Amino acid sequence: MLKWALIFFIISVVAGFFGFSRASAGAATIAKWLFFAALALFAIFLVLGLLAGEVLF
């Protein structure tokens, strides 16, 4: 998911460089959503991993 966020970020930067402001804004929004979704999934799995570690040990 972070890979796709990075790809959309690069698309946003390139589109902004060439003057496509709407495409740049759309790609930046998608990149932002994907980044925060990946961050939320990381936090959830981190907590679940810590809880599973406590149950096993």
N, C-alpha and C. Protein backbone atom coordinates (compact mmCIF):
# COMPACT_ATOMS: atom_id res chain seq x y z
N MET A 1 0.82 -1.18 0.00
CA MET A 1 0.00 0.00 0.00
C MET A 1 0.88 1.26 0.00
N LEU A 2 1.99 1.19 0.70
CA LEU A 2 2.90 2.34 0.68
C LEU A 2 3.52 2.52 -0.69
N LYS A 3 3.68 1.43 -1.41
CA LYS A 3 4.21 1.52 -2.77
C LYS A 3 3.27 2.32 -3.64
N TRP A 4 1.96 2.06 -3.52
CA TRP A 4 0.98 2.80 -4.31
C TRP A 4 0.90 4.25 -3.88
N ALA A 5 1.05 4.52 -2.59
CA ALA A 5 1.05 5.90 -2.11
C ALA A 5 2.23 6.66 -2.71
N LEU A 6 3.39 6.02 -2.76
CA LEU A 6 4.57 6.65 -3.34
C LEU A 6 4.38 6.89 -4.84
N ILE A 7 3.79 5.93 -5.54
CA ILE A 7 3.54 6.09 -6.96
C ILE A 7 2.60 7.27 -7.22
N PHE A 8 1.52 7.37 -6.45
CA PHE A 8 0.60 8.48 -6.64
C PHE A 8 1.24 9.81 -6.25
N PHE A 9 2.13 9.80 -5.26
CA PHE A 9 2.84 11.02 -4.90
C PHE A 9 3.73 11.48 -6.05
N ILE A 10 4.43 10.55 -6.67
CA ILE A 10 5.29 10.91 -7.81
C ILE A 10 4.46 11.42 -8.98
N ILE A 11 3.32 10.78 -9.23
CA ILE A 11 2.41 11.25 -10.28
C ILE A 11 1.95 12.67 -9.97
N SER A 12 1.65 12.93 -8.71
CA SER A 12 1.21 14.26 -8.30
C SER A 12 2.29 15.32 -8.54
N VAL A 13 3.52 14.99 -8.18
CA VAL A 13 4.62 15.93 -8.36
C VAL A 13 4.87 16.20 -9.84
N VAL A 14 4.87 15.16 -10.65
CA VAL A 14 5.11 15.32 -12.08
C VAL A 14 3.96 16.11 -12.73
N ALA A 15 2.73 15.79 -12.36
CA ALA A 15 1.59 16.51 -12.92
C ALA A 15 1.62 17.97 -12.50
N GLY A 16 2.00 18.24 -11.27
CA GLY A 16 2.11 19.62 -10.82
C GLY A 16 3.21 20.37 -11.55
N PHE A 17 4.30 19.68 -11.84
CA PHE A 17 5.41 20.30 -12.57
C PHE A 17 4.97 20.72 -13.98
N PHE A 18 4.15 19.89 -14.62
CA PHE A 18 3.71 20.19 -15.97
C PHE A 18 2.45 21.05 -16.01
N GLY A 19 1.92 21.42 -14.86
CA GLY A 19 0.81 22.35 -14.83
C GLY A 19 -0.57 21.74 -14.79
N PHE A 20 -0.66 20.46 -14.58
CA PHE A 20 -1.96 19.80 -14.49
C PHE A 20 -2.41 19.82 -13.02
N SER A 21 -2.97 20.94 -12.60
CA SER A 21 -3.24 21.12 -11.17
C SER A 21 -4.34 20.21 -10.66
N ARG A 22 -5.38 19.96 -11.46
CA ARG A 22 -6.46 19.07 -11.00
C ARG A 22 -5.97 17.64 -10.86
N ALA A 23 -5.21 17.17 -11.84
CA ALA A 23 -4.68 15.81 -11.76
C ALA A 23 -3.70 15.70 -10.60
N SER A 24 -2.93 16.75 -10.39
CA SER A 24 -1.98 16.76 -9.28
C SER A 24 -2.71 16.71 -7.94
N ALA A 25 -3.77 17.48 -7.80
CA ALA A 25 -4.52 17.49 -6.55
C ALA A 25 -5.21 16.14 -6.31
N GLY A 26 -5.74 15.55 -7.36
CA GLY A 26 -6.38 14.24 -7.22
C GLY A 26 -5.40 13.15 -6.83
N ALA A 27 -4.25 13.15 -7.48
CA ALA A 27 -3.24 12.14 -7.15
C ALA A 27 -2.70 12.35 -5.73
N ALA A 28 -2.57 13.60 -5.32
CA ALA A 28 -2.09 13.87 -3.96
C ALA A 28 -3.11 13.41 -2.93
N THR A 29 -4.39 13.59 -3.22
CA THR A 29 -5.43 13.14 -2.30
C THR A 29 -5.42 11.61 -2.17
N ILE A 30 -5.29 10.93 -3.30
CA ILE A 30 -5.23 9.46 -3.27
C ILE A 30 -4.00 9.00 -2.50
N ALA A 31 -2.86 9.65 -2.74
CA ALA A 31 -1.63 9.28 -2.03
C ALA A 31 -1.78 9.49 -0.53
N LYS A 32 -2.43 10.58 -0.15
CA LYS A 32 -2.62 10.87 1.27
C LYS A 32 -3.51 9.81 1.93
N TRP A 33 -4.60 9.45 1.28
CA TRP A 33 -5.51 8.42 1.82
C TRP A 33 -4.81 7.08 1.94
N LEU A 34 -4.05 6.70 0.91
CA LEU A 34 -3.34 5.43 0.96
C LEU A 34 -2.28 5.42 2.06
N PHE A 35 -1.59 6.54 2.24
CA PHE A 35 -0.57 6.61 3.29
C PHE A 35 -1.20 6.45 4.67
N PHE A 36 -2.30 7.16 4.93
CA PHE A 36 -2.92 7.06 6.25
C PHE A 36 -3.59 5.70 6.46
N ALA A 37 -4.08 5.08 5.40
CA ALA A 37 -4.63 3.73 5.53
C ALA A 37 -3.51 2.74 5.89
N ALA A 38 -2.35 2.88 5.24
CA ALA A 38 -1.21 2.01 5.56
C ALA A 38 -0.73 2.25 6.98
N LEU A 39 -0.73 3.50 7.40
CA LEU A 39 -0.32 3.83 8.76
C LEU A 39 -1.28 3.24 9.79
N ALA A 40 -2.58 3.30 9.50
CA ALA A 40 -3.58 2.72 10.42
C ALA A 40 -3.43 1.20 10.48
N LEU A 41 -3.24 0.56 9.33
CA LEU A 41 -3.05 -0.89 9.33
C LEU A 41 -1.78 -1.29 10.08
N PHE A 42 -0.73 -0.51 9.93
CA PHE A 42 0.50 -0.78 10.67
C PHE A 42 0.25 -0.70 12.18
N ALA A 43 -0.45 0.33 12.60
CA ALA A 43 -0.72 0.48 14.04
C ALA A 43 -1.58 -0.66 14.57
N ILE A 44 -2.59 -1.06 13.79
CA ILE A 44 -3.46 -2.17 14.22
C ILE A 44 -2.67 -3.46 14.35
N PHE A 45 -1.86 -3.76 13.34
CA PHE A 45 -1.08 -5.00 13.39
C PHE A 45 0.01 -4.94 14.45
N LEU A 46 0.54 -3.76 14.73
CA LEU A 46 1.52 -3.63 15.79
C LEU A 46 0.89 -3.95 17.15
N VAL A 47 -0.28 -3.41 17.40
CA VAL A 47 -0.97 -3.69 18.66
C VAL A 47 -1.36 -5.16 18.75
N LEU A 48 -1.88 -5.71 17.66
CA LEU A 48 -2.23 -7.13 17.67
C LEU A 48 -1.01 -8.02 17.89
N GLY A 49 0.10 -7.66 17.29
CA GLY A 49 1.33 -8.43 17.49
C GLY A 49 1.83 -8.37 18.91
N LEU A 50 1.73 -7.19 19.51
CA LEU A 50 2.16 -7.07 20.91
C LEU A 50 1.24 -7.85 21.84
N LEU A 51 -0.04 -7.81 21.56
CA LEU A 51 -0.99 -8.56 22.39
C LEU A 51 -0.80 -10.07 22.21
N ALA A 52 -0.55 -10.52 21.00
CA ALA A 52 -0.33 -11.94 20.76
C ALA A 52 0.97 -12.39 21.43
N GLY A 53 1.97 -11.52 21.45
CA GLY A 53 3.23 -11.85 22.13
C GLY A 53 3.05 -11.99 23.61
N GLU A 54 2.19 -11.18 24.20
CA GLU A 54 1.93 -11.29 25.63
C GLU A 54 1.18 -12.56 25.96
N VAL A 55 0.28 -12.97 25.07
CA VAL A 55 -0.50 -14.19 25.32
C VAL A 55 0.38 -15.42 25.23
N LEU A 56 1.32 -15.43 24.30
CA LEU A 56 2.20 -16.58 24.12
C LEU A 56 3.26 -16.69 25.19
N PHE A 57 3.74 -15.58 25.69
CA PHE A 57 4.83 -15.63 26.65
C PHE A 57 4.31 -15.18 27.96
